[in-house]
Amino acid sequence: MRNVSAMRSTAVAVIVASAALAVAGCQPGEADAGTGGGGATSSGAVSTATASPSPSGAAKPGSSASASTDPSGPSTPSVSPPAPSASAPSASAPGSAATCAAGSLKATSRQAAVRPDGTGTGAAVVEFTNVSAQTCVLTGHPTVAGAGNGSPEMNVPLTVKPTGTATAVTVLPGAEAWVKLTFVQVQGEADGYCVSGSAPVVYPTMVIGLPGSGAHQVALDDGQFAECDDTVTVTAVSAVEPS
């Protein structure tokens, strides 16, 4: 009887232990605790994770985002202001002054202080005054002719030898510009003579032409133009009064 009772006790203990093991095997493991109470997966089953979608506007790995990612509104591109220019543009320059018209000039003449030795005129300075209300421009070398007693057809052109570089001279209203004429000088007393052997020539007035600015008849403020060989050396129009 004792053996039977011991065997029964042993059998009961085995049954209880087996039941405990079975119950323990049915409990969810710590690895399944994050499933929110779902059932255990069978051993060997593969769990597939579902990628959650990226929020709208989020930057993807490896790329840079230049737009705003505020989810409350549409993305606004970030715009950088243009870099300032290195220098401000200069104001437009006023239009160039026109060439002086013949009627805008008053021409006068005087004997030059610096002239070749002799008894003739030697050299003369011709002054052009802008008598208009507008600024204008003179440029170039003049032409020179002995006036033919009031008849242009009778004018005697002189051979001109230009010197110096011609540059534009801006003449304000009331301002002046000048040219200098240097003649082949008359020598001797009375009517004089020319070194070349030709006869001296005397002109009461001369006609001075300027490129684009007409022809101007001038007389010396004292005396007449006496010269030899009908040849004259001329300077270009200058803003500096010659001597």
C-alpha atoms as a PDB file:
ATOM      1  CA  MET A   1       0.000   0.000   0.000  1.00  0.00           C
ATOM      2  CA  ARG A   2       2.806   2.338   0.771  1.00  0.00           C
ATOM      3  CA  ASN A   3       4.347   1.670  -2.601  1.00  0.00           C
ATOM      4  CA  VAL A   4       1.091   2.359  -4.341  1.00  0.00           C
ATOM      5  CA  SER A   5       0.714   5.656  -2.500  1.00  0.00           C
ATOM      6  CA  ALA A   6       4.277   6.648  -3.342  1.00  0.00           C
ATOM      7  CA  MET A   7       3.745   5.873  -6.985  1.00  0.00           C
ATOM      8  CA  ARG A   8       0.574   7.930  -7.025  1.00  0.00           C
ATOM      9  CA  SER A   9       2.373  10.838  -5.423  1.00  0.00           C
ATOM     10  CA  THR A  10       5.155  10.605  -7.947  1.00  0.00           C
ATOM     11  CA  ALA A  11       2.718  10.486 -10.842  1.00  0.00           C
ATOM     12  CA  VAL A  12       0.859  13.531  -9.547  1.00  0.00           C
ATOM     13  CA  ALA A  13       4.116  15.437  -9.210  1.00  0.00           C
ATOM     14  CA  VAL A  14       5.087  14.558 -12.762  1.00  0.00           C
ATOM     15  CA  ILE A  15       1.702  15.671 -14.057  1.00  0.00           C
ATOM     16  CA  VAL A  16       1.908  18.959 -12.153  1.00  0.00           C
ATOM     17  CA  ALA A  17       5.414  19.612 -13.437  1.00  0.00           C
ATOM     18  CA  SER A  18       4.386  18.842 -16.995  1.00  0.00           C
ATOM     19  CA  ALA A  19       1.419  21.172 -16.705  1.00  0.00           C
ATOM     20  CA  ALA A  20       3.637  23.928 -15.382  1.00  0.00           C
ATOM     21  CA  LEU A  21       6.018  23.500 -18.265  1.00  0.00           C
ATOM     22  CA  ALA A  22       3.178  23.578 -20.738  1.00  0.00           C
ATOM     23  CA  VAL A  23       1.774  26.740 -19.207  1.00  0.00           C
ATOM     24  CA  ALA A  24       5.219  28.350 -19.273  1.00  0.00           C
ATOM     25  CA  GLY A  25       5.644  27.496 -22.951  1.00  0.00           C
ATOM     26  CA  CYS A  26       2.372  29.224 -23.799  1.00  0.00           C
ATOM     27  CA  GLN A  27       3.354  32.559 -22.172  1.00  0.00           C
ATOM     28  CA  PRO A  28       4.571  35.393 -24.582  1.00  0.00           C
ATOM     29  CA  GLY A  29       8.315  36.083 -24.378  1.00  0.00           C
ATOM     30  CA  GLU A  30       9.989  39.336 -23.690  1.00  0.00           C
ATOM     31  CA  ALA A  31      10.767  39.646 -27.382  1.00  0.00           C
ATOM     32  CA  ASP A  32       6.994  39.795 -28.074  1.00  0.00           C
ATOM     33  CA  ALA A  33       6.223  42.362 -25.393  1.00  0.00           C
ATOM     34  CA  GLY A  34       6.240  45.238 -27.912  1.00  0.00           C
ATOM     35  CA  THR A  35       3.498  43.684 -30.088  1.00  0.00           C
ATOM     36  CA  GLY A  36       0.767  45.143 -27.926  1.00  0.00           C
ATOM     37  CA  GLY A  37      -0.661  41.819 -26.690  1.00  0.00           C
ATOM     38  CA  GLY A  38      -0.741  39.968 -30.026  1.00  0.00           C
ATOM     39  CA  GLY A  39      -0.362  36.216 -30.191  1.00  0.00           C
ATOM     40  CA  ALA A  40       3.016  34.548 -30.362  1.00  0.00           C
ATOM     41  CA  THR A  41       4.406  33.768 -33.778  1.00  0.00           C
ATOM     42  CA  SER A  42       5.386  30.283 -34.560  1.00  0.00           C
ATOM     43  CA  SER A  43       9.047  29.473 -34.356  1.00  0.00           C
ATOM     44  CA  GLY A  44      10.828  29.858 -37.672  1.00  0.00           C
ATOM     45  CA  ALA A  45       8.362  32.464 -39.038  1.00  0.00           C
ATOM     46  CA  VAL A  46       9.967  35.570 -40.525  1.00  0.00           C
ATOM     47  CA  SER A  47       8.643  38.954 -39.388  1.00  0.00           C
ATOM     48  CA  THR A  48       8.529  41.564 -42.185  1.00  0.00           C
ATOM     49  CA  ALA A  49       8.746  45.206 -41.086  1.00  0.00           C
ATOM     50  CA  THR A  50       6.638  47.726 -43.010  1.00  0.00           C
ATOM     51  CA  ALA A  51       8.465  50.992 -43.677  1.00  0.00           C
ATOM     52  CA  SER A  52       6.483  53.967 -42.550  1.00  0.00           C
ATOM     53  CA  PRO A  53       6.160  56.765 -45.184  1.00  0.00           C
ATOM     54  CA  SER A  54       8.363  59.780 -44.766  1.00  0.00           C
ATOM     55  CA  PRO A  55       6.636  62.993 -43.730  1.00  0.00           C
ATOM     56  CA  SER A  56       5.878  65.416 -46.537  1.00  0.00           C
ATOM     57  CA  GLY A  57       8.802  67.670 -47.189  1.00  0.00           C
ATOM     58  CA  ALA A  58      11.322  65.596 -45.223  1.00  0.00           C
ATOM     59  CA  ALA A  59      14.773  65.418 -46.667  1.00  0.00           C
ATOM     60  CA  LYS A  60      15.864  62.078 -48.028  1.00  0.00           C
ATOM     61  CA  PRO A  61      19.169  60.643 -46.866  1.00  0.00           C
ATOM     62  CA  GLY A  62      22.064  61.896 -48.934  1.00  0.00           C
ATOM     63  CA  SER A  63      20.202  64.946 -50.273  1.00  0.00           C
ATOM     64  CA  SER A  64      20.114  68.555 -49.123  1.00  0.00           C
ATOM     65  CA  ALA A  65      16.858  70.357 -48.583  1.00  0.00           C
ATOM     66  CA  SER A  66      16.548  73.998 -49.582  1.00  0.00           C
ATOM     67  CA  ALA A  67      12.809  74.296 -49.033  1.00  0.00           C
ATOM     68  CA  SER A  68      10.862  74.768 -45.801  1.00  0.00           C
ATOM     69  CA  THR A  69       9.528  71.524 -44.239  1.00  0.00           C
ATOM     70  CA  ASP A  70       6.779  73.129 -42.190  1.00  0.00           C
ATOM     71  CA  PRO A  71       3.916  70.589 -42.386  1.00  0.00           C
ATOM     72  CA  SER A  72       1.302  73.277 -41.753  1.00  0.00           C
ATOM     73  CA  GLY A  73       1.668  74.850 -45.192  1.00  0.00           C
ATOM     74  CA  PRO A  74       3.158  74.413 -48.652  1.00  0.00           C
ATOM     75  CA  SER A  75       6.898  74.367 -48.970  1.00  0.00           C
ATOM     76  CA  THR A  76       8.437  77.774 -49.721  1.00  0.00           C
ATOM     77  CA  PRO A  77      11.754  77.762 -51.621  1.00  0.00           C
ATOM     78  CA  SER A  78      14.535  79.667 -49.934  1.00  0.00           C
ATOM     79  CA  VAL A  79      15.669  82.434 -52.316  1.00  0.00           C
ATOM     80  CA  SER A  80      18.938  84.231 -51.710  1.00  0.00           C
ATOM     81  CA  PRO A  81      19.008  87.948 -52.670  1.00  0.00           C
ATOM     82  CA  PRO A  82      21.268  88.788 -55.621  1.00  0.00           C
ATOM     83  CA  ALA A  83      24.776  89.767 -54.703  1.00  0.00           C
ATOM     84  CA  PRO A  84      25.341  93.547 -54.908  1.00  0.00           C
ATOM     85  CA  SER A  85      27.212  94.806 -57.911  1.00  0.00           C
ATOM     86  CA  ALA A  86      30.843  95.686 -57.356  1.00  0.00           C
ATOM     87  CA  SER A  87      30.216  99.206 -58.565  1.00  0.00           C
ATOM     88  CA  ALA A  88      27.135 101.257 -59.171  1.00  0.00           C
ATOM     89  CA  PRO A  89      26.383 102.086 -62.793  1.00  0.00           C
ATOM     90  CA  SER A  90      27.547 105.497 -63.777  1.00  0.00           C
ATOM     91  CA  ALA A  91      25.061 108.114 -64.859  1.00  0.00           C
ATOM     92  CA  SER A  92      24.551 108.497 -68.570  1.00  0.00           C
ATOM     93  CA  ALA A  93      26.901 111.032 -70.042  1.00  0.00           C
ATOM     94  CA  PRO A  94      25.247 113.988 -71.747  1.00  0.00           C
ATOM     95  CA  GLY A  95      25.258 114.037 -75.538  1.00  0.00           C
ATOM     96  CA  SER A  96      28.303 115.431 -77.278  1.00  0.00           C
ATOM     97  CA  ALA A  97      28.155 119.078 -78.306  1.00  0.00           C
ATOM     98  CA  ALA A  98      27.670 119.799 -81.988  1.00  0.00           C
ATOM     99  CA  THR A  99      30.269 121.362 -84.247  1.00  0.00           C
ATOM    100  CA  CYS A 100      30.135 125.147 -84.084  1.00  0.00           C
ATOM    101  CA  ALA A 101      28.105 126.634 -86.916  1.00  0.00           C
ATOM    102  CA  ALA A 102      29.605 129.500 -88.901  1.00  0.00           C
ATOM    103  CA  GLY A 103      26.995 131.906 -87.535  1.00  0.00           C
ATOM    104  CA  SER A 104      27.867 131.023 -83.925  1.00  0.00           C
ATOM    105  CA  LEU A 105      31.440 132.313 -84.275  1.00  0.00           C
ATOM    106  CA  LYS A 106      32.990 135.772 -84.336  1.00  0.00           C
ATOM    107  CA  ALA A 107      36.546 135.858 -85.755  1.00  0.00           C
ATOM    108  CA  THR A 108      39.179 138.513 -85.030  1.00  0.00           C
ATOM    109  CA  SER A 109      42.922 138.669 -85.722  1.00  0.00           C
ATOM    110  CA  ARG A 110      46.060 140.302 -84.351  1.00  0.00           C
ATOM    111  CA  GLN A 111      49.760 140.134 -85.084  1.00  0.00           C
ATOM    112  CA  ALA A 112      51.493 137.443 -83.018  1.00  0.00           C
ATOM    113  CA  ALA A 113      54.117 138.408 -80.457  1.00  0.00           C
ATOM    114  CA  VAL A 114      56.307 135.481 -81.477  1.00  0.00           C
ATOM    115  CA  ARG A 115      57.050 135.658 -85.213  1.00  0.00           C
ATOM    116  CA  PRO A 116      59.918 135.304 -87.686  1.00  0.00           C
ATOM    117  CA  ASP A 117      62.340 138.183 -88.090  1.00  0.00           C
ATOM    118  CA  GLY A 118      61.515 140.561 -90.907  1.00  0.00           C
ATOM    119  CA  THR A 119      59.400 143.501 -91.863  1.00  0.00           C
ATOM    120  CA  GLY A 120      56.212 141.719 -92.890  1.00  0.00           C
ATOM    121  CA  THR A 121      53.400 140.392 -90.767  1.00  0.00           C
ATOM    122  CA  GLY A 122      55.389 137.315 -89.883  1.00  0.00           C
ATOM    123  CA  ALA A 123      52.629 135.601 -87.866  1.00  0.00           C
ATOM    124  CA  ALA A 124      49.064 136.234 -86.774  1.00  0.00           C
ATOM    125  CA  VAL A 125      46.744 134.807 -84.127  1.00  0.00           C
ATOM    126  CA  VAL A 126      43.102 134.309 -85.121  1.00  0.00           C
ATOM    127  CA  GLU A 127      40.577 134.162 -82.289  1.00  0.00           C
ATOM    128  CA  PHE A 128      37.144 132.514 -82.592  1.00  0.00           C
ATOM    129  CA  THR A 129      34.537 133.507 -80.002  1.00  0.00           C
ATOM    130  CA  ASN A 130      31.372 131.469 -79.476  1.00  0.00           C
ATOM    131  CA  VAL A 131      28.648 134.131 -79.648  1.00  0.00           C
ATOM    132  CA  SER A 132      25.786 131.623 -79.442  1.00  0.00           C
ATOM    133  CA  ALA A 133      23.966 130.406 -76.349  1.00  0.00           C
ATOM    134  CA  GLN A 134      25.038 126.808 -76.921  1.00  0.00           C
ATOM    135  CA  THR A 135      28.282 124.985 -76.249  1.00  0.00           C
ATOM    136  CA  CYS A 136      29.882 123.778 -79.475  1.00  0.00           C
ATOM    137  CA  VAL A 137      33.032 122.099 -80.739  1.00  0.00           C
ATOM    138  CA  LEU A 138      35.853 123.216 -83.045  1.00  0.00           C
ATOM    139  CA  THR A 139      38.475 120.880 -84.418  1.00  0.00           C
ATOM    140  CA  GLY A 140      41.128 120.556 -87.105  1.00  0.00           C
ATOM    141  CA  HIS A 141      43.526 122.778 -88.998  1.00  0.00           C
ATOM    142  CA  PRO A 142      42.285 125.879 -90.822  1.00  0.00           C
ATOM    143  CA  THR A 143      42.442 126.747 -94.470  1.00  0.00           C
ATOM    144  CA  VAL A 144      43.828 130.175 -95.400  1.00  0.00           C
ATOM    145  CA  ALA A 145      43.190 132.351 -98.432  1.00  0.00           C
ATOM    146  CA  GLY A 146      43.911 135.947 -99.358  1.00  0.00           C
ATOM    147  CA  ALA A 147      40.537 137.717 -99.745  1.00  0.00           C
ATOM    148  CA  GLY A 148      39.762 138.755-103.328  1.00  0.00           C
ATOM    149  CA  ASN A 149      38.286 142.199-102.737  1.00  0.00           C
ATOM    150  CA  GLY A 150      34.915 140.908-101.584  1.00  0.00           C
ATOM    151  CA  SER A 151      34.566 138.291-104.314  1.00  0.00           C
ATOM    152  CA  PRO A 152      35.082 134.698-103.089  1.00  0.00           C
ATOM    153  CA  GLU A 153      35.924 133.612-106.621  1.00  0.00           C
ATOM    154  CA  MET A 154      38.925 135.923-106.487  1.00  0.00           C
ATOM    155  CA  ASN A 155      40.292 134.514-103.214  1.00  0.00           C
ATOM    156  CA  VAL A 156      43.880 133.266-103.401  1.00  0.00           C
ATOM    157  CA  PRO A 157      44.315 130.003-101.468  1.00  0.00           C
ATOM    158  CA  LEU A 158      47.623 129.756 -99.635  1.00  0.00           C
ATOM    159  CA  THR A 159      49.550 126.527 -99.364  1.00  0.00           C
ATOM    160  CA  VAL A 160      48.935 125.312 -95.815  1.00  0.00           C
ATOM    161  CA  LYS A 161      51.513 123.415 -93.776  1.00  0.00           C
ATOM    162  CA  PRO A 162      49.709 121.988 -90.717  1.00  0.00           C
ATOM    163  CA  THR A 163      51.537 121.441 -87.441  1.00  0.00           C
ATOM    164  CA  GLY A 164      50.411 119.755 -84.254  1.00  0.00           C
ATOM    165  CA  THR A 165      47.721 117.150 -83.626  1.00  0.00           C
ATOM    166  CA  ALA A 166      44.104 118.125 -84.182  1.00  0.00           C
ATOM    167  CA  THR A 167      41.846 117.521 -81.182  1.00  0.00           C
ATOM    168  CA  ALA A 168      38.275 118.564 -80.482  1.00  0.00           C
ATOM    169  CA  VAL A 169      38.009 121.815 -78.541  1.00  0.00           C
ATOM    170  CA  THR A 170      34.783 122.436 -76.636  1.00  0.00           C
ATOM    171  CA  VAL A 171      33.857 126.123 -76.683  1.00  0.00           C
ATOM    172  CA  LEU A 172      31.368 127.341 -74.101  1.00  0.00           C
ATOM    173  CA  PRO A 173      29.124 130.324 -74.832  1.00  0.00           C
ATOM    174  CA  GLY A 174      31.310 133.445 -74.682  1.00  0.00           C
ATOM    175  CA  ALA A 175      34.544 131.417 -74.676  1.00  0.00           C
ATOM    176  CA  GLU A 176      37.294 131.380 -77.314  1.00  0.00           C
ATOM    177  CA  ALA A 177      39.528 129.076 -79.319  1.00  0.00           C
ATOM    178  CA  TRP A 178      42.561 130.032 -81.396  1.00  0.00           C
ATOM    179  CA  VAL A 179      44.760 129.184 -84.369  1.00  0.00           C
ATOM    180  CA  LYS A 180      48.143 130.656 -85.250  1.00  0.00           C
ATOM    181  CA  LEU A 181      49.292 131.463 -88.777  1.00  0.00           C
ATOM    182  CA  THR A 182      53.017 131.817 -89.501  1.00  0.00           C
ATOM    183  CA  PHE A 183      53.871 133.310 -92.884  1.00  0.00           C
ATOM    184  CA  VAL A 184      57.037 133.364 -94.937  1.00  0.00           C
ATOM    185  CA  GLN A 185      58.393 136.700 -93.757  1.00  0.00           C
ATOM    186  CA  VAL A 186      58.989 139.731 -95.936  1.00  0.00           C
ATOM    187  CA  GLN A 187      62.479 141.190 -95.639  1.00  0.00           C
ATOM    188  CA  GLY A 188      63.863 144.709 -96.118  1.00  0.00           C
ATOM    189  CA  GLU A 189      62.369 148.171 -96.036  1.00  0.00           C
ATOM    190  CA  ALA A 190      59.703 149.862 -98.142  1.00  0.00           C
ATOM    191  CA  ASP A 191      57.998 147.202-100.261  1.00  0.00           C
ATOM    192  CA  GLY A 192      60.549 144.646 -99.065  1.00  0.00           C
ATOM    193  CA  TYR A 193      61.501 141.470-100.836  1.00  0.00           C
ATOM    194  CA  CYS A 194      61.207 137.701-100.517  1.00  0.00           C
ATOM    195  CA  VAL A 195      64.228 135.485 -99.970  1.00  0.00           C
ATOM    196  CA  SER A 196      62.863 133.135-102.634  1.00  0.00           C
ATOM    197  CA  GLY A 197      62.985 135.936-105.201  1.00  0.00           C
ATOM    198  CA  SER A 198      59.201 136.226-105.538  1.00  0.00           C
ATOM    199  CA  ALA A 199      57.429 139.520-104.927  1.00  0.00           C
ATOM    200  CA  PRO A 200      55.839 140.161-101.546  1.00  0.00           C
ATOM    201  CA  VAL A 201      52.027 140.090-101.445  1.00  0.00           C
ATOM    202  CA  VAL A 202      49.795 142.209 -99.229  1.00  0.00           C
ATOM    203  CA  TYR A 203      46.211 141.265 -98.344  1.00  0.00           C
ATOM    204  CA  PRO A 204      43.969 143.661 -96.417  1.00  0.00           C
ATOM    205  CA  THR A 205      41.942 140.680 -95.210  1.00  0.00           C
ATOM    206  CA  MET A 206      42.236 136.936 -95.200  1.00  0.00           C
ATOM    207  CA  VAL A 207      39.640 134.178 -95.193  1.00  0.00           C
ATOM    208  CA  ILE A 208      40.124 131.510 -92.530  1.00  0.00           C
ATOM    209  CA  GLY A 209      38.136 128.318 -92.913  1.00  0.00           C
ATOM    210  CA  LEU A 210      37.471 125.789 -90.154  1.00  0.00           C
ATOM    211  CA  PRO A 211      36.322 122.189 -90.782  1.00  0.00           C
ATOM    212  CA  GLY A 212      32.535 122.158 -90.544  1.00  0.00           C
ATOM    213  CA  SER A 213      32.414 125.701 -89.180  1.00  0.00           C
ATOM    214  CA  GLY A 214      32.447 127.886 -92.274  1.00  0.00           C
ATOM    215  CA  ALA A 215      34.826 130.526 -93.611  1.00  0.00           C
ATOM    216  CA  HIS A 216      35.559 133.740 -91.733  1.00  0.00           C
ATOM    217  CA  GLN A 217      37.064 136.901 -93.196  1.00  0.00           C
ATOM    218  CA  VAL A 218      39.379 138.702 -90.805  1.00  0.00           C
ATOM    219  CA  ALA A 219      41.571 141.800 -90.817  1.00  0.00           C
ATOM    220  CA  LEU A 220      44.494 142.548 -88.549  1.00  0.00           C
ATOM    221  CA  ASP A 221      43.714 144.897 -85.689  1.00  0.00           C
ATOM    222  CA  ASP A 222      46.687 146.954 -86.954  1.00  0.00           C
ATOM    223  CA  GLY A 223      48.065 146.862 -90.491  1.00  0.00           C
ATOM    224  CA  GLN A 224      47.690 144.341 -93.314  1.00  0.00           C
ATOM    225  CA  PHE A 225      48.820 140.792 -94.045  1.00  0.00           C
ATOM    226  CA  ALA A 226      52.156 140.975 -95.874  1.00  0.00           C
ATOM    227  CA  GLU A 227      53.702 137.630 -96.800  1.00  0.00           C
ATOM    228  CA  CYS A 228      55.890 135.787 -99.296  1.00  0.00           C
ATOM    229  CA  ASP A 229      55.364 132.702-101.417  1.00  0.00           C
ATOM    230  CA  ASP A 230      51.656 132.278-100.549  1.00  0.00           C
ATOM    231  CA  THR A 231      52.642 129.659 -97.992  1.00  0.00           C
ATOM    232  CA  VAL A 232      51.560 129.548 -94.353  1.00  0.00           C
ATOM    233  CA  THR A 233      52.199 127.226 -91.426  1.00  0.00           C
ATOM    234  CA  VAL A 234      49.084 126.717 -89.274  1.00  0.00           C
ATOM    235  CA  THR A 235      48.368 125.174 -85.891  1.00  0.00           C
ATOM    236  CA  ALA A 236      45.290 123.108 -85.103  1.00  0.00           C
ATOM    237  CA  VAL A 237      42.452 124.784 -83.212  1.00  0.00           C
ATOM    238  CA  SER A 238      43.545 125.170 -79.595  1.00  0.00           C
ATOM    239  CA  ALA A 239      41.899 125.998 -76.289  1.00  0.00           C
ATOM    240  CA  VAL A 240      45.147 127.732 -75.264  1.00  0.00           C
ATOM    241  CA  GLU A 241      45.866 131.159 -76.695  1.00  0.00           C
ATOM    242  CA  PRO A 242      49.172 131.155 -78.587  1.00  0.00           C
ATOM    243  CA  SER A 243      51.650 134.027 -78.331  1.00  0.00           C
END
